[in-house]
Amino acid sequence: MNLNIVPLKFSNDPLLRKLKERLSLYFESVNIFYTPVNIEPAYNQLRRQYHSTKILESIIKSNPESDGLFLVLTDMDLFVPVLTHVFGEAQLNGKFSIVSVCRLYEEFYTAESDPKLLLSRSIKEILHEIGHNFGLYHCKNWECVMHASNSVEDIDIKGSVYCEECSAILKAKNLPLPSVL
C-alpha cells in the first residue's frame, strides 16, 4: 500500500524527511504529494483556526481517483465545531486524513524546542489517523496508539503502537502497520 503525504501550509522540512523515512518502513512507498488546493474557505476568523473537515473535503475533491492513502500534514491549528481543537481527523474506512503539528510542538506550551518529542507526537497522531482509515475506532487501552487524545499530555502518555486487539484487526485485513516502533 502507498502513502501520499500532502504538505499543506507545512514548513518543517526536517520533520517531513524523518516522517517519510519512518513511515517507509511500513508502506510500499511514501510519496510527497503537492496539490494546489485553496483551503482559505476552511479558515474561521473568529477562532483563528482551520476547519479540518472542510480541508479534507477540498483534498478529496481534488484527488478523487488517486491510489493509496493521503495524509495531509499541516502547521495550521485545526478544529471541528464541537471541540476547541483537534490534532487530526480521518475518514473512517477511507483513504484521506489530516494531522496538524501546530499543537505538537513543545514550543506551543513552553519556550523549549524538542525535535525528538515532536517526531514522537507526530508519529503517534499519524498512526492514529491512519488507524481510522483502516477502520479502527478509539481504543480504551492507554498503551494503544488508537487511544483518544484530547490534550498533548494524552499523546505523550499513550503508546506508540497498536495494542493486541487493534493489531489483530489490522492483521486480519493484511495491513502493514506496526505493532512495534
N, C-alpha and C. Protein backbone atom coordinates (compact mmCIF):
# COMPACT_ATOMS: atom_id res chain seq x y z
N MET A 1 0.84 -1.18 0.00
CA MET A 1 0.00 0.00 0.00
C MET A 1 0.88 1.24 0.00
N ASN A 2 0.44 2.27 -0.70
CA ASN A 2 1.17 3.52 -0.81
C ASN A 2 0.60 4.56 0.15
N LEU A 3 1.48 5.40 0.64
CA LEU A 3 1.09 6.54 1.47
C LEU A 3 1.57 7.80 0.78
N ASN A 4 0.65 8.71 0.55
CA ASN A 4 0.97 10.01 -0.03
C ASN A 4 0.85 11.07 1.05
N ILE A 5 1.95 11.70 1.38
CA ILE A 5 1.93 12.79 2.35
C ILE A 5 1.73 14.09 1.59
N VAL A 6 0.71 14.83 1.99
CA VAL A 6 0.37 16.09 1.33
C VAL A 6 0.70 17.24 2.27
N PRO A 7 1.89 17.86 2.11
CA PRO A 7 2.21 19.01 2.96
C PRO A 7 1.37 20.21 2.52
N LEU A 8 0.63 20.76 3.45
CA LEU A 8 -0.26 21.88 3.14
C LEU A 8 -0.03 22.95 4.20
N LYS A 9 0.54 24.07 3.78
CA LYS A 9 0.96 25.09 4.75
C LYS A 9 1.80 24.43 5.83
N PHE A 10 2.80 23.71 5.37
CA PHE A 10 3.70 22.96 6.26
C PHE A 10 5.12 23.39 5.97
N SER A 11 5.87 23.78 6.99
CA SER A 11 7.19 24.37 6.76
C SER A 11 8.36 23.61 7.37
N ASN A 12 8.13 22.50 8.05
CA ASN A 12 9.20 21.81 8.74
C ASN A 12 9.75 20.67 7.87
N ASP A 13 10.65 21.02 6.95
CA ASP A 13 11.22 20.01 6.04
C ASP A 13 12.00 18.91 6.76
N PRO A 14 12.79 19.22 7.81
CA PRO A 14 13.47 18.13 8.52
C PRO A 14 12.47 17.12 9.12
N LEU A 15 11.38 17.59 9.67
CA LEU A 15 10.37 16.67 10.22
C LEU A 15 9.73 15.87 9.09
N LEU A 16 9.44 16.50 7.98
CA LEU A 16 8.85 15.80 6.84
C LEU A 16 9.76 14.67 6.37
N ARG A 17 11.06 14.93 6.28
CA ARG A 17 12.01 13.88 5.86
C ARG A 17 12.04 12.72 6.87
N LYS A 18 12.04 13.05 8.16
CA LYS A 18 12.07 12.00 9.18
C LYS A 18 10.79 11.17 9.17
N LEU A 19 9.65 11.84 8.98
CA LEU A 19 8.38 11.11 8.92
C LEU A 19 8.34 10.19 7.71
N LYS A 20 8.80 10.69 6.57
CA LYS A 20 8.84 9.86 5.36
C LYS A 20 9.71 8.63 5.59
N GLU A 21 10.87 8.84 6.18
CA GLU A 21 11.79 7.74 6.45
C GLU A 21 11.16 6.71 7.39
N ARG A 22 10.57 7.17 8.47
CA ARG A 22 9.97 6.27 9.46
C ARG A 22 8.77 5.51 8.87
N LEU A 23 7.91 6.21 8.15
CA LEU A 23 6.71 5.58 7.59
C LEU A 23 7.04 4.66 6.42
N SER A 24 8.20 4.84 5.80
CA SER A 24 8.63 3.97 4.70
C SER A 24 8.88 2.54 5.17
N LEU A 25 9.03 2.35 6.45
CA LEU A 25 9.20 1.00 6.99
C LEU A 25 7.93 0.17 6.88
N TYR A 26 6.78 0.83 6.72
CA TYR A 26 5.50 0.13 6.79
C TYR A 26 4.66 0.21 5.52
N PHE A 27 5.08 1.03 4.58
CA PHE A 27 4.31 1.18 3.35
C PHE A 27 5.20 0.87 2.16
N GLU A 28 4.59 0.36 1.07
CA GLU A 28 5.35 0.05 -0.13
C GLU A 28 6.11 1.27 -0.61
N SER A 29 5.44 2.41 -0.58
CA SER A 29 6.12 3.66 -0.91
C SER A 29 5.47 4.80 -0.13
N VAL A 30 6.29 5.78 0.18
CA VAL A 30 5.80 7.00 0.81
C VAL A 30 6.23 8.14 -0.10
N ASN A 31 5.24 8.83 -0.63
CA ASN A 31 5.49 9.90 -1.58
C ASN A 31 5.06 11.24 -0.99
N ILE A 32 5.76 12.28 -1.41
CA ILE A 32 5.33 13.63 -1.06
C ILE A 32 4.49 14.10 -2.25
N PHE A 33 3.26 14.48 -1.96
CA PHE A 33 2.29 14.80 -3.00
C PHE A 33 1.83 16.24 -2.81
N TYR A 34 2.26 17.09 -3.72
CA TYR A 34 1.89 18.51 -3.63
C TYR A 34 0.64 18.74 -4.46
N THR A 35 -0.32 19.47 -3.92
CA THR A 35 -1.55 19.77 -4.64
C THR A 35 -1.95 21.22 -4.40
N PRO A 36 -2.38 21.90 -5.44
CA PRO A 36 -2.77 23.31 -5.30
C PRO A 36 -4.22 23.45 -4.85
N VAL A 37 -4.46 23.20 -3.58
CA VAL A 37 -5.82 23.28 -3.05
C VAL A 37 -5.97 24.58 -2.27
N ASN A 38 -7.06 25.29 -2.53
CA ASN A 38 -7.35 26.52 -1.80
C ASN A 38 -8.12 26.15 -0.53
N ILE A 39 -7.46 26.27 0.59
CA ILE A 39 -8.11 25.91 1.85
C ILE A 39 -8.56 27.13 2.65
N GLU A 40 -8.44 28.29 2.07
CA GLU A 40 -8.84 29.51 2.78
C GLU A 40 -10.32 29.51 3.18
N PRO A 41 -11.23 28.91 2.39
CA PRO A 41 -12.63 28.85 2.85
C PRO A 41 -12.80 28.05 4.16
N ALA A 42 -11.80 27.25 4.52
CA ALA A 42 -11.86 26.48 5.77
C ALA A 42 -11.43 27.29 6.98
N TYR A 43 -10.93 28.50 6.74
CA TYR A 43 -10.44 29.32 7.85
C TYR A 43 -11.60 30.00 8.56
N ASN A 44 -11.60 29.91 9.90
CA ASN A 44 -12.60 30.58 10.73
C ASN A 44 -11.90 31.74 11.42
N GLN A 45 -12.26 32.94 11.03
CA GLN A 45 -11.58 34.14 11.53
C GLN A 45 -11.79 34.34 13.04
N LEU A 46 -12.98 34.01 13.55
CA LEU A 46 -13.24 34.17 14.98
C LEU A 46 -12.38 33.24 15.81
N ARG A 47 -12.22 32.02 15.35
CA ARG A 47 -11.43 31.04 16.09
C ARG A 47 -9.94 31.10 15.77
N ARG A 48 -9.60 31.71 14.65
CA ARG A 48 -8.23 31.72 14.14
C ARG A 48 -7.70 30.30 13.93
N GLN A 49 -8.56 29.46 13.41
CA GLN A 49 -8.25 28.06 13.15
C GLN A 49 -8.87 27.65 11.82
N TYR A 50 -8.42 26.49 11.34
CA TYR A 50 -8.96 25.92 10.11
C TYR A 50 -9.84 24.72 10.44
N HIS A 51 -10.98 24.64 9.76
CA HIS A 51 -11.93 23.55 9.95
C HIS A 51 -11.41 22.32 9.21
N SER A 52 -10.99 21.30 9.94
CA SER A 52 -10.32 20.14 9.35
C SER A 52 -11.20 19.38 8.37
N THR A 53 -12.49 19.27 8.65
CA THR A 53 -13.40 18.55 7.76
C THR A 53 -13.47 19.23 6.40
N LYS A 54 -13.50 20.55 6.39
CA LYS A 54 -13.56 21.28 5.12
C LYS A 54 -12.27 21.11 4.32
N ILE A 55 -11.14 21.05 5.01
CA ILE A 55 -9.88 20.82 4.29
C ILE A 55 -9.89 19.43 3.66
N LEU A 56 -10.33 18.42 4.43
CA LEU A 56 -10.40 17.07 3.87
C LEU A 56 -11.32 17.03 2.66
N GLU A 57 -12.46 17.71 2.75
CA GLU A 57 -13.38 17.74 1.61
C GLU A 57 -12.71 18.34 0.37
N SER A 58 -11.92 19.39 0.55
CA SER A 58 -11.21 20.01 -0.57
C SER A 58 -10.18 19.06 -1.18
N ILE A 59 -9.45 18.35 -0.34
CA ILE A 59 -8.45 17.39 -0.83
C ILE A 59 -9.13 16.24 -1.57
N ILE A 60 -10.21 15.75 -1.02
CA ILE A 60 -10.94 14.65 -1.66
C ILE A 60 -11.42 15.06 -3.05
N LYS A 61 -11.96 16.26 -3.17
CA LYS A 61 -12.44 16.75 -4.47
C LYS A 61 -11.31 16.89 -5.48
N SER A 62 -10.12 17.22 -5.00
CA SER A 62 -9.01 17.43 -5.93
C SER A 62 -8.31 16.13 -6.33
N ASN A 63 -8.54 15.03 -5.62
CA ASN A 63 -7.86 13.75 -5.88
C ASN A 63 -8.81 12.56 -5.83
N PRO A 64 -9.93 12.59 -6.53
CA PRO A 64 -10.93 11.54 -6.35
C PRO A 64 -10.50 10.14 -6.79
N GLU A 65 -9.56 10.02 -7.72
CA GLU A 65 -9.24 8.68 -8.24
C GLU A 65 -7.79 8.29 -8.00
N SER A 66 -7.12 8.89 -7.09
CA SER A 66 -5.73 8.58 -6.81
C SER A 66 -5.62 7.34 -5.94
N ASP A 67 -4.51 6.61 -6.12
CA ASP A 67 -4.28 5.37 -5.37
C ASP A 67 -3.61 5.64 -4.03
N GLY A 68 -3.82 4.74 -3.08
CA GLY A 68 -3.17 4.82 -1.79
C GLY A 68 -3.87 5.73 -0.81
N LEU A 69 -3.25 5.87 0.34
CA LEU A 69 -3.75 6.75 1.38
C LEU A 69 -3.18 8.14 1.19
N PHE A 70 -3.95 9.15 1.62
CA PHE A 70 -3.50 10.53 1.57
C PHE A 70 -3.53 11.11 2.97
N LEU A 71 -2.37 11.55 3.43
CA LEU A 71 -2.23 12.18 4.74
C LEU A 71 -1.84 13.63 4.54
N VAL A 72 -2.75 14.53 4.86
CA VAL A 72 -2.44 15.96 4.82
C VAL A 72 -1.68 16.28 6.10
N LEU A 73 -0.54 16.92 5.95
CA LEU A 73 0.29 17.31 7.08
C LEU A 73 0.38 18.83 7.06
N THR A 74 0.03 19.47 8.19
CA THR A 74 -0.04 20.92 8.21
C THR A 74 0.48 21.50 9.52
N ASP A 75 0.88 22.76 9.44
CA ASP A 75 1.26 23.52 10.64
C ASP A 75 0.07 24.29 11.20
N MET A 76 -1.04 24.31 10.48
CA MET A 76 -2.20 25.11 10.88
C MET A 76 -2.91 24.49 12.09
N ASP A 77 -3.46 25.34 12.92
CA ASP A 77 -4.27 24.89 14.05
C ASP A 77 -5.64 24.47 13.51
N LEU A 78 -6.10 23.29 13.87
CA LEU A 78 -7.34 22.73 13.34
C LEU A 78 -8.43 22.66 14.40
N PHE A 79 -9.68 22.65 13.92
CA PHE A 79 -10.82 22.46 14.81
C PHE A 79 -11.94 21.75 14.06
N VAL A 80 -12.86 21.22 14.84
CA VAL A 80 -14.20 20.85 14.39
C VAL A 80 -15.13 21.61 15.31
N PRO A 81 -16.32 21.96 14.85
CA PRO A 81 -17.17 22.88 15.63
C PRO A 81 -17.43 22.49 17.09
N VAL A 82 -17.44 21.22 17.42
CA VAL A 82 -17.79 20.82 18.80
C VAL A 82 -16.57 20.75 19.73
N LEU A 83 -15.36 21.00 19.19
CA LEU A 83 -14.16 20.91 20.02
C LEU A 83 -13.32 22.19 19.87
N THR A 84 -12.53 22.48 20.90
CA THR A 84 -11.68 23.67 20.83
C THR A 84 -10.57 23.50 19.80
N HIS A 85 -10.08 22.28 19.61
CA HIS A 85 -9.06 21.98 18.61
C HIS A 85 -9.05 20.48 18.36
N VAL A 86 -8.43 20.09 17.27
CA VAL A 86 -8.17 18.68 17.01
C VAL A 86 -6.73 18.55 16.53
N PHE A 87 -6.12 17.42 16.84
CA PHE A 87 -4.78 17.12 16.34
C PHE A 87 -4.87 16.55 14.93
N GLY A 88 -6.01 15.94 14.63
CA GLY A 88 -6.19 15.36 13.31
C GLY A 88 -7.61 14.88 13.12
N GLU A 89 -7.86 14.40 11.92
CA GLU A 89 -9.17 13.86 11.55
C GLU A 89 -8.95 12.88 10.41
N ALA A 90 -9.79 11.88 10.31
CA ALA A 90 -9.66 10.89 9.24
C ALA A 90 -11.01 10.37 8.82
N GLN A 91 -11.06 9.92 7.58
CA GLN A 91 -12.23 9.20 7.09
C GLN A 91 -12.17 7.79 7.65
N LEU A 92 -13.21 7.37 8.35
CA LEU A 92 -13.26 6.00 8.83
C LEU A 92 -13.46 5.10 7.63
N ASN A 93 -12.59 4.11 7.48
CA ASN A 93 -12.61 3.20 6.33
C ASN A 93 -12.45 3.95 5.02
N GLY A 94 -11.73 5.05 5.04
CA GLY A 94 -11.49 5.84 3.84
C GLY A 94 -10.01 5.94 3.57
N LYS A 95 -9.63 6.87 2.70
CA LYS A 95 -8.21 6.98 2.39
C LYS A 95 -7.63 8.37 2.63
N PHE A 96 -8.40 9.26 3.25
CA PHE A 96 -7.92 10.62 3.48
C PHE A 96 -7.90 10.94 4.97
N SER A 97 -6.80 11.56 5.41
CA SER A 97 -6.70 12.00 6.80
C SER A 97 -5.86 13.27 6.84
N ILE A 98 -5.93 13.95 7.98
CA ILE A 98 -5.16 15.18 8.19
C ILE A 98 -4.60 15.17 9.60
N VAL A 99 -3.36 15.63 9.75
CA VAL A 99 -2.73 15.79 11.06
C VAL A 99 -2.09 17.17 11.09
N SER A 100 -2.36 17.89 12.17
CA SER A 100 -1.73 19.18 12.40
C SER A 100 -0.63 19.02 13.45
N VAL A 101 0.54 19.57 13.15
CA VAL A 101 1.62 19.54 14.14
C VAL A 101 1.65 20.82 14.98
N CYS A 102 0.74 21.74 14.71
CA CYS A 102 0.71 23.03 15.41
C CYS A 102 0.83 22.85 16.92
N ARG A 103 -0.02 22.03 17.50
CA ARG A 103 -0.04 21.83 18.94
C ARG A 103 0.83 20.67 19.40
N LEU A 104 1.60 20.09 18.48
CA LEU A 104 2.53 19.01 18.83
C LEU A 104 3.92 19.55 19.15
N TYR A 105 4.19 20.77 18.71
CA TYR A 105 5.46 21.42 19.05
C TYR A 105 5.48 21.73 20.54
N GLU A 106 6.56 21.39 21.20
CA GLU A 106 6.69 21.72 22.61
C GLU A 106 6.69 23.24 22.82
N GLU A 107 7.14 23.98 21.80
CA GLU A 107 7.16 25.43 21.87
C GLU A 107 5.76 26.04 22.01
N PHE A 108 4.74 25.30 21.63
CA PHE A 108 3.37 25.78 21.78
C PHE A 108 3.02 25.94 23.27
N TYR A 109 3.69 25.14 24.12
CA TYR A 109 3.38 25.11 25.56
C TYR A 109 4.48 25.72 26.42
N THR A 110 5.73 25.57 25.98
CA THR A 110 6.86 26.07 26.76
C THR A 110 7.79 26.82 25.81
N ALA A 111 8.86 27.34 26.32
CA ALA A 111 9.82 28.06 25.48
C ALA A 111 10.88 27.14 24.90
N GLU A 112 10.77 25.84 25.15
CA GLU A 112 11.80 24.90 24.74
C GLU A 112 11.42 24.14 23.47
N SER A 113 12.41 23.90 22.65
CA SER A 113 12.24 23.10 21.44
C SER A 113 12.67 21.66 21.75
N ASP A 114 11.94 20.68 21.23
CA ASP A 114 12.29 19.29 21.45
C ASP A 114 11.93 18.48 20.19
N PRO A 115 12.84 18.44 19.20
CA PRO A 115 12.56 17.75 17.94
C PRO A 115 12.21 16.26 18.11
N LYS A 116 12.83 15.58 19.07
CA LYS A 116 12.52 14.16 19.29
C LYS A 116 11.09 13.99 19.78
N LEU A 117 10.67 14.85 20.68
CA LEU A 117 9.30 14.80 21.19
C LEU A 117 8.31 15.13 20.07
N LEU A 118 8.64 16.10 19.23
CA LEU A 118 7.78 16.44 18.10
C LEU A 118 7.63 15.25 17.16
N LEU A 119 8.72 14.56 16.86
CA LEU A 119 8.66 13.38 15.99
C LEU A 119 7.80 12.29 16.62
N SER A 120 8.00 12.04 17.90
CA SER A 120 7.20 11.02 18.60
C SER A 120 5.72 11.36 18.57
N ARG A 121 5.37 12.59 18.90
CA ARG A 121 3.97 13.01 18.90
C ARG A 121 3.38 12.91 17.49
N SER A 122 4.16 13.32 16.50
CA SER A 122 3.68 13.30 15.11
C SER A 122 3.41 11.88 14.64
N ILE A 123 4.34 10.98 14.92
CA ILE A 123 4.16 9.58 14.52
C ILE A 123 2.91 9.00 15.18
N LYS A 124 2.74 9.25 16.46
CA LYS A 124 1.56 8.73 17.17
C LYS A 124 0.27 9.23 16.53
N GLU A 125 0.21 10.51 16.24
CA GLU A 125 -1.03 11.06 15.67
C GLU A 125 -1.25 10.58 14.23
N ILE A 126 -0.17 10.43 13.47
CA ILE A 126 -0.31 9.90 12.11
C ILE A 126 -0.81 8.46 12.15
N LEU A 127 -0.20 7.62 12.98
CA LEU A 127 -0.65 6.23 13.09
C LEU A 127 -2.09 6.15 13.60
N HIS A 128 -2.45 7.06 14.48
CA HIS A 128 -3.82 7.10 15.00
C HIS A 128 -4.81 7.38 13.85
N GLU A 129 -4.54 8.42 13.07
CA GLU A 129 -5.46 8.78 11.98
C GLU A 129 -5.48 7.71 10.90
N ILE A 130 -4.33 7.14 10.57
CA ILE A 130 -4.29 6.06 9.58
C ILE A 130 -5.05 4.85 10.10
N GLY A 131 -4.99 4.62 11.40
CA GLY A 131 -5.79 3.54 12.00
C GLY A 131 -7.27 3.72 11.72
N HIS A 132 -7.75 4.96 11.82
CA HIS A 132 -9.15 5.24 11.47
C HIS A 132 -9.41 4.94 10.00
N ASN A 133 -8.46 5.31 9.12
CA ASN A 133 -8.62 4.99 7.70
C ASN A 133 -8.81 3.49 7.50
N PHE A 134 -8.17 2.69 8.33
CA PHE A 134 -8.28 1.24 8.23
C PHE A 134 -9.41 0.65 9.06
N GLY A 135 -10.28 1.51 9.58
CA GLY A 135 -11.48 1.04 10.25
C GLY A 135 -11.39 0.92 11.76
N LEU A 136 -10.29 1.32 12.36
CA LEU A 136 -10.17 1.23 13.82
C LEU A 136 -10.88 2.41 14.49
N TYR A 137 -11.52 2.11 15.61
CA TYR A 137 -12.16 3.13 16.44
C TYR A 137 -11.22 3.47 17.59
N HIS A 138 -11.61 4.44 18.42
CA HIS A 138 -10.82 4.76 19.60
C HIS A 138 -10.78 3.56 20.53
N CYS A 139 -9.62 3.35 21.11
CA CYS A 139 -9.37 2.19 21.96
C CYS A 139 -9.32 2.64 23.42
N LYS A 140 -9.79 1.81 24.32
CA LYS A 140 -9.77 2.14 25.75
C LYS A 140 -8.40 1.90 26.38
N ASN A 141 -7.56 1.16 25.69
CA ASN A 141 -6.24 0.80 26.20
C ASN A 141 -5.29 1.99 26.06
N TRP A 142 -4.79 2.51 27.20
CA TRP A 142 -3.89 3.67 27.19
C TRP A 142 -2.57 3.37 26.50
N GLU A 143 -2.20 2.12 26.38
CA GLU A 143 -0.94 1.78 25.73
C GLU A 143 -1.08 1.72 24.21
N CYS A 144 -2.29 1.87 23.71
CA CYS A 144 -2.56 1.77 22.28
C CYS A 144 -2.53 3.15 21.62
N VAL A 145 -1.95 3.22 20.43
CA VAL A 145 -1.90 4.48 19.69
C VAL A 145 -3.31 4.93 19.28
N MET A 146 -4.28 4.04 19.32
CA MET A 146 -5.66 4.39 18.96
C MET A 146 -6.44 4.98 20.13
N HIS A 147 -5.81 5.12 21.29
CA HIS A 147 -6.47 5.78 22.40
C HIS A 147 -6.71 7.24 22.03
N ALA A 148 -7.86 7.77 22.36
CA ALA A 148 -8.20 9.16 22.02
C ALA A 148 -7.29 10.13 22.76
N SER A 149 -6.96 11.23 22.11
CA SER A 149 -6.10 12.26 22.71
C SER A 149 -6.80 13.61 22.65
N ASN A 150 -7.15 14.12 23.82
CA ASN A 150 -7.76 15.44 23.90
C ASN A 150 -6.75 16.52 24.26
N SER A 151 -5.58 16.10 24.68
CA SER A 151 -4.53 17.05 25.04
C SER A 151 -3.18 16.46 24.64
N VAL A 152 -2.18 17.31 24.60
CA VAL A 152 -0.84 16.83 24.25
C VAL A 152 -0.32 15.87 25.32
N GLU A 153 -0.76 16.06 26.55
CA GLU A 153 -0.36 15.12 27.61
C GLU A 153 -0.91 13.72 27.33
N ASP A 154 -2.12 13.65 26.78
CA ASP A 154 -2.69 12.35 26.40
C ASP A 154 -1.82 11.68 25.34
N ILE A 155 -1.33 12.47 24.40
CA ILE A 155 -0.46 11.92 23.35
C ILE A 155 0.82 11.38 23.96
N ASP A 156 1.41 12.16 24.86
CA ASP A 156 2.67 11.75 25.49
C ASP A 156 2.51 10.48 26.31
N ILE A 157 1.37 10.31 26.95
CA ILE A 157 1.14 9.15 27.82
C ILE A 157 0.84 7.88 27.04
N LYS A 158 0.06 8.02 25.96
CA LYS A 158 -0.36 6.80 25.25
C LYS A 158 0.81 6.16 24.53
N GLY A 159 0.62 4.90 24.17
CA GLY A 159 1.66 4.16 23.48
C GLY A 159 1.83 4.60 22.04
N SER A 160 2.88 4.10 21.41
CA SER A 160 3.17 4.45 20.03
C SER A 160 2.92 3.29 19.07
N VAL A 161 2.25 2.26 19.57
CA VAL A 161 1.94 1.09 18.75
C VAL A 161 0.48 0.70 18.97
N TYR A 162 0.00 -0.18 18.11
CA TYR A 162 -1.35 -0.69 18.24
C TYR A 162 -1.35 -1.82 19.26
N CYS A 163 -2.38 -1.85 20.10
CA CYS A 163 -2.49 -2.91 21.11
C CYS A 163 -2.79 -4.24 20.40
N GLU A 164 -2.82 -5.31 21.17
CA GLU A 164 -3.07 -6.64 20.60
C GLU A 164 -4.40 -6.70 19.86
N GLU A 165 -5.43 -6.12 20.46
CA GLU A 165 -6.76 -6.16 19.85
C GLU A 165 -6.80 -5.38 18.53
N CYS A 166 -6.25 -4.19 18.53
CA CYS A 166 -6.22 -3.38 17.29
C CYS A 166 -5.30 -4.01 16.26
N SER A 167 -4.16 -4.55 16.70
CA SER A 167 -3.25 -5.24 15.78
C SER A 167 -3.91 -6.43 15.12
N ALA A 168 -4.72 -7.15 15.88
CA ALA A 168 -5.42 -8.32 15.33
C ALA A 168 -6.39 -7.90 14.22
N ILE A 169 -7.05 -6.79 14.42
CA ILE A 169 -7.98 -6.28 13.39
C ILE A 169 -7.20 -5.91 12.13
N LEU A 170 -6.07 -5.22 12.30
CA LEU A 170 -5.25 -4.84 11.15
C LEU A 170 -4.65 -6.06 10.46
N LYS A 171 -4.21 -7.03 11.25
CA LYS A 171 -3.62 -8.25 10.69
C LYS A 171 -4.66 -9.02 9.89
N ALA A 172 -5.90 -9.07 10.38
CA ALA A 172 -6.97 -9.76 9.66
C ALA A 172 -7.23 -9.10 8.31
N LYS A 173 -6.94 -7.80 8.21
CA LYS A 173 -7.11 -7.07 6.95
C LYS A 173 -5.83 -7.07 6.12
N ASN A 174 -4.78 -7.75 6.64
CA ASN A 174 -3.48 -7.85 5.97
C ASN A 174 -2.87 -6.47 5.71
N LEU A 175 -2.86 -5.64 6.75
CA LEU A 175 -2.35 -4.28 6.63
C LEU A 175 -0.95 -4.17 7.23
N PRO A 176 -0.12 -3.26 6.70
CA PRO A 176 1.30 -3.20 7.02
C PRO A 176 1.67 -2.37 8.23
N LEU A 177 0.75 -2.10 9.13
CA LEU A 177 1.07 -1.14 10.18
C LEU A 177 1.78 -1.78 11.36
N PRO A 178 2.56 -0.97 12.07
CA PRO A 178 3.47 -1.50 13.09
C PRO A 178 2.79 -1.90 14.39
N SER A 179 3.25 -3.00 14.92
CA SER A 179 2.85 -3.33 16.29
C SER A 179 4.02 -2.99 17.22
N VAL A 180 5.15 -2.67 16.65
CA VAL A 180 6.31 -2.21 17.42
C VAL A 180 7.02 -1.14 16.60
N LEU A 181 7.32 -0.01 17.23
CA LEU A 181 8.10 1.03 16.53
C LEU A 181 9.50 1.10 17.09
